[in-house]
Amino acid sequence: QVHAVESGGGLVQAGDSLRLSCAASGRTSSYAMAWFRQAPGKERVFVARISASGVYTDYVESVKGRFTISRDNANNTVYLQMNSLKPEDTAVYYCAAAQKPGSSNWRSSGTYVYWGQGTQVTVSS
């Protein structure tokens, strides 16, 4: 069982930076972790994913070069550093953990077993 809690969201201006944190209980060091986001009236979509070891990462095209996912397995925490924020980055950001056995599409929200409650990120123009 994993309990994940996101933090670090807020209201910023376009071009600013934020760092989101996902503090998780349980042995998350053996799980891939991911960030998703959901804008008002839209579906939850993939943002970034990091392998259990931290060696492999993947990003949605729209955030490549601006966002960086990282993890600290000693402290069971995953981060999302967001730079050069744009108004279209406005959403609730969710941390996800543990791909279901046999699930290979890590960009699908249905792949993950555990979810946090989300943190709001609002970027004004």
C-alpha atoms as a PDB file:
ATOM      1  CA  GLN A   1       0.000   0.000   0.000  1.00  0.00           C
ATOM      2  CA  VAL A   2       1.265   3.467  -0.938  1.00  0.00           C
ATOM      3  CA  HIS A   3      -0.071   6.777   0.281  1.00  0.00           C
ATOM      4  CA  ALA A   4       1.112   9.735  -1.792  1.00  0.00           C
ATOM      5  CA  VAL A   5       0.813  13.410  -0.875  1.00  0.00           C
ATOM      6  CA  GLU A   6       1.597  16.170  -3.343  1.00  0.00           C
ATOM      7  CA  SER A   7       2.708  19.669  -2.406  1.00  0.00           C
ATOM      8  CA  GLY A   8       4.294  22.730  -3.960  1.00  0.00           C
ATOM      9  CA  GLY A   9       1.504  23.987  -6.157  1.00  0.00           C
ATOM     10  CA  GLY A  10       0.440  27.605  -6.264  1.00  0.00           C
ATOM     11  CA  LEU A  11      -0.348  30.678  -8.312  1.00  0.00           C
ATOM     12  CA  VAL A  12       2.522  31.995 -10.425  1.00  0.00           C
ATOM     13  CA  GLN A  13       3.056  34.174 -13.470  1.00  0.00           C
ATOM     14  CA  ALA A  14       4.036  32.960 -16.901  1.00  0.00           C
ATOM     15  CA  GLY A  15       7.765  32.321 -17.029  1.00  0.00           C
ATOM     16  CA  ASP A  16       8.055  31.482 -13.339  1.00  0.00           C
ATOM     17  CA  SER A  17       9.115  28.177 -11.823  1.00  0.00           C
ATOM     18  CA  LEU A  18       7.614  25.773  -9.316  1.00  0.00           C
ATOM     19  CA  ARG A  19       8.799  22.517  -7.819  1.00  0.00           C
ATOM     20  CA  LEU A  20       6.194  19.948  -6.954  1.00  0.00           C
ATOM     21  CA  SER A  21       6.898  17.218  -4.439  1.00  0.00           C
ATOM     22  CA  CYS A  22       5.226  13.874  -3.935  1.00  0.00           C
ATOM     23  CA  ALA A  23       5.963  12.324  -0.571  1.00  0.00           C
ATOM     24  CA  ALA A  24       4.970   8.693  -0.481  1.00  0.00           C
ATOM     25  CA  SER A  25       4.699   6.131   2.267  1.00  0.00           C
ATOM     26  CA  GLY A  26       5.657   2.541   1.649  1.00  0.00           C
ATOM     27  CA  ARG A  27       8.475   1.101  -0.410  1.00  0.00           C
ATOM     28  CA  THR A  28       8.099   3.271  -3.465  1.00  0.00           C
ATOM     29  CA  SER A  29      11.744   2.744  -4.417  1.00  0.00           C
ATOM     30  CA  SER A  30      10.667  -0.351  -6.332  1.00  0.00           C
ATOM     31  CA  TYR A  31       7.968   1.451  -8.311  1.00  0.00           C
ATOM     32  CA  ALA A  32       7.971   3.661 -11.326  1.00  0.00           C
ATOM     33  CA  MET A  33       6.399   7.017 -10.489  1.00  0.00           C
ATOM     34  CA  ALA A  34       4.643   9.523 -12.694  1.00  0.00           C
ATOM     35  CA  TRP A  35       3.014  12.927 -12.776  1.00  0.00           C
ATOM     36  CA  PHE A  36      -0.296  13.574 -14.501  1.00  0.00           C
ATOM     37  CA  ARG A  37      -2.338  16.739 -14.755  1.00  0.00           C
ATOM     38  CA  GLN A  38      -5.976  17.571 -15.232  1.00  0.00           C
ATOM     39  CA  ALA A  39      -7.228  20.915 -16.458  1.00  0.00           C
ATOM     40  CA  PRO A  40     -10.822  21.989 -15.787  1.00  0.00           C
ATOM     41  CA  GLY A  41     -13.240  20.098 -17.976  1.00  0.00           C
ATOM     42  CA  LYS A  42     -10.528  17.907 -19.463  1.00  0.00           C
ATOM     43  CA  GLU A  43      -9.278  14.396 -18.879  1.00  0.00           C
ATOM     44  CA  ARG A  44      -6.274  13.556 -16.768  1.00  0.00           C
ATOM     45  CA  VAL A  45      -3.177  13.390 -18.971  1.00  0.00           C
ATOM     46  CA  PHE A  46       0.388  12.189 -18.668  1.00  0.00           C
ATOM     47  CA  VAL A  47       3.157  14.676 -17.903  1.00  0.00           C
ATOM     48  CA  ALA A  48       6.266  12.739 -16.891  1.00  0.00           C
ATOM     49  CA  ARG A  49       7.435   9.393 -15.617  1.00  0.00           C
ATOM     50  CA  ILE A  50      10.552   8.122 -13.892  1.00  0.00           C
ATOM     51  CA  SER A  51      11.684   4.539 -13.555  1.00  0.00           C
ATOM     52  CA  ALA A  52      12.203   2.917 -10.169  1.00  0.00           C
ATOM     53  CA  SER A  53      15.956   3.383 -10.428  1.00  0.00           C
ATOM     54  CA  GLY A  54      15.635   6.961 -11.604  1.00  0.00           C
ATOM     55  CA  VAL A  55      17.701   6.241 -14.696  1.00  0.00           C
ATOM     56  CA  TYR A  56      14.910   6.433 -17.258  1.00  0.00           C
ATOM     57  CA  THR A  57      12.540   9.346 -17.709  1.00  0.00           C
ATOM     58  CA  ASP A  58       9.831  10.226 -20.188  1.00  0.00           C
ATOM     59  CA  TYR A  59       7.958  13.453 -20.833  1.00  0.00           C
ATOM     60  CA  VAL A  60       5.009  14.601 -22.824  1.00  0.00           C
ATOM     61  CA  GLU A  61       6.245  16.673 -25.738  1.00  0.00           C
ATOM     62  CA  SER A  62       4.726  19.923 -24.469  1.00  0.00           C
ATOM     63  CA  VAL A  63       6.901  19.973 -21.334  1.00  0.00           C
ATOM     64  CA  LYS A  64      10.181  18.639 -22.692  1.00  0.00           C
ATOM     65  CA  GLY A  65      13.019  21.035 -21.940  1.00  0.00           C
ATOM     66  CA  ARG A  66      10.951  22.847 -19.298  1.00  0.00           C
ATOM     67  CA  PHE A  67      10.026  20.163 -16.735  1.00  0.00           C
ATOM     68  CA  THR A  68      12.320  17.714 -14.968  1.00  0.00           C
ATOM     69  CA  ILE A  69      11.188  14.697 -12.977  1.00  0.00           C
ATOM     70  CA  SER A  70      13.503  13.285 -10.331  1.00  0.00           C
ATOM     71  CA  ARG A  71      13.312  11.088  -7.270  1.00  0.00           C
ATOM     72  CA  ASP A  72      14.955  10.601  -3.920  1.00  0.00           C
ATOM     73  CA  ASN A  73      14.435   6.965  -3.035  1.00  0.00           C
ATOM     74  CA  ALA A  74      16.007   7.349   0.376  1.00  0.00           C
ATOM     75  CA  ASN A  75      13.182   9.723   1.284  1.00  0.00           C
ATOM     76  CA  ASN A  76      10.438   8.190  -0.882  1.00  0.00           C
ATOM     77  CA  THR A  77       9.911  11.481  -2.675  1.00  0.00           C
ATOM     78  CA  VAL A  78       9.422  12.344  -6.323  1.00  0.00           C
ATOM     79  CA  TYR A  79       9.808  15.848  -7.667  1.00  0.00           C
ATOM     80  CA  LEU A  80       8.648  17.757 -10.696  1.00  0.00           C
ATOM     81  CA  GLN A  81      10.689  20.861 -11.392  1.00  0.00           C
ATOM     82  CA  MET A  82       8.675  23.116 -13.665  1.00  0.00           C
ATOM     83  CA  ASN A  83      10.407  26.017 -15.366  1.00  0.00           C
ATOM     84  CA  SER A  84       9.203  28.565 -17.906  1.00  0.00           C
ATOM     85  CA  LEU A  85       5.625  27.934 -16.904  1.00  0.00           C
ATOM     86  CA  LYS A  86       2.870  28.805 -19.350  1.00  0.00           C
ATOM     87  CA  PRO A  87      -0.838  29.491 -18.787  1.00  0.00           C
ATOM     88  CA  GLU A  88      -1.605  26.188 -20.524  1.00  0.00           C
ATOM     89  CA  ASP A  89       0.236  24.393 -17.720  1.00  0.00           C
ATOM     90  CA  THR A  90      -2.599  25.365 -15.383  1.00  0.00           C
ATOM     91  CA  ALA A  91      -4.090  22.184 -13.920  1.00  0.00           C
ATOM     92  CA  VAL A  92      -4.322  19.990 -10.885  1.00  0.00           C
ATOM     93  CA  TYR A  93      -1.156  17.901 -10.811  1.00  0.00           C
ATOM     94  CA  TYR A  94      -1.318  14.336  -9.537  1.00  0.00           C
ATOM     95  CA  CYS A  95       1.383  11.944  -8.454  1.00  0.00           C
ATOM     96  CA  ALA A  96       0.947   8.300  -9.460  1.00  0.00           C
ATOM     97  CA  ALA A  97       2.818   5.232  -8.322  1.00  0.00           C
ATOM     98  CA  ALA A  98       3.227   1.603  -9.265  1.00  0.00           C
ATOM     99  CA  GLN A  99       2.339   0.376 -12.703  1.00  0.00           C
ATOM    100  CA  LYS A 100      -0.109  -2.480 -12.669  1.00  0.00           C
ATOM    101  CA  PRO A 101       1.485  -5.840 -13.508  1.00  0.00           C
ATOM    102  CA  GLY A 102       1.505  -6.391 -17.235  1.00  0.00           C
ATOM    103  CA  SER A 103       0.845  -2.708 -17.981  1.00  0.00           C
ATOM    104  CA  SER A 104       3.372  -1.281 -20.390  1.00  0.00           C
ATOM    105  CA  ASN A 105       1.684   1.968 -21.383  1.00  0.00           C
ATOM    106  CA  TRP A 106       3.061   4.203 -18.681  1.00  0.00           C
ATOM    107  CA  ARG A 107       1.439   7.228 -20.285  1.00  0.00           C
ATOM    108  CA  SER A 108      -2.022   5.920 -19.465  1.00  0.00           C
ATOM    109  CA  SER A 109      -3.629   6.914 -16.165  1.00  0.00           C
ATOM    110  CA  GLY A 110      -5.212   3.464 -15.968  1.00  0.00           C
ATOM    111  CA  THR A 111      -1.779   1.945 -15.589  1.00  0.00           C
ATOM    112  CA  TYR A 112      -1.156   3.215 -12.064  1.00  0.00           C
ATOM    113  CA  VAL A 113      -2.353   1.738  -8.821  1.00  0.00           C
ATOM    114  CA  TYR A 114      -1.835   4.547  -6.351  1.00  0.00           C
ATOM    115  CA  TRP A 115      -2.674   8.243  -6.626  1.00  0.00           C
ATOM    116  CA  GLY A 116      -2.257  11.355  -4.545  1.00  0.00           C
ATOM    117  CA  GLN A 117      -4.980  13.922  -3.962  1.00  0.00           C
ATOM    118  CA  GLY A 118      -3.482  16.495  -6.319  1.00  0.00           C
ATOM    119  CA  THR A 119      -2.039  19.986  -6.036  1.00  0.00           C
ATOM    120  CA  GLN A 120      -3.298  23.006  -7.967  1.00  0.00           C
ATOM    121  CA  VAL A 121      -0.959  24.880 -10.273  1.00  0.00           C
ATOM    122  CA  THR A 122      -2.262  28.121 -11.751  1.00  0.00           C
ATOM    123  CA  VAL A 123      -0.191  30.132 -14.215  1.00  0.00           C
ATOM    124  CA  SER A 124      -1.382  33.618 -15.038  1.00  0.00           C
ATOM    125  CA  SER A 125      -0.463  35.401 -18.261  1.00  0.00           C
END
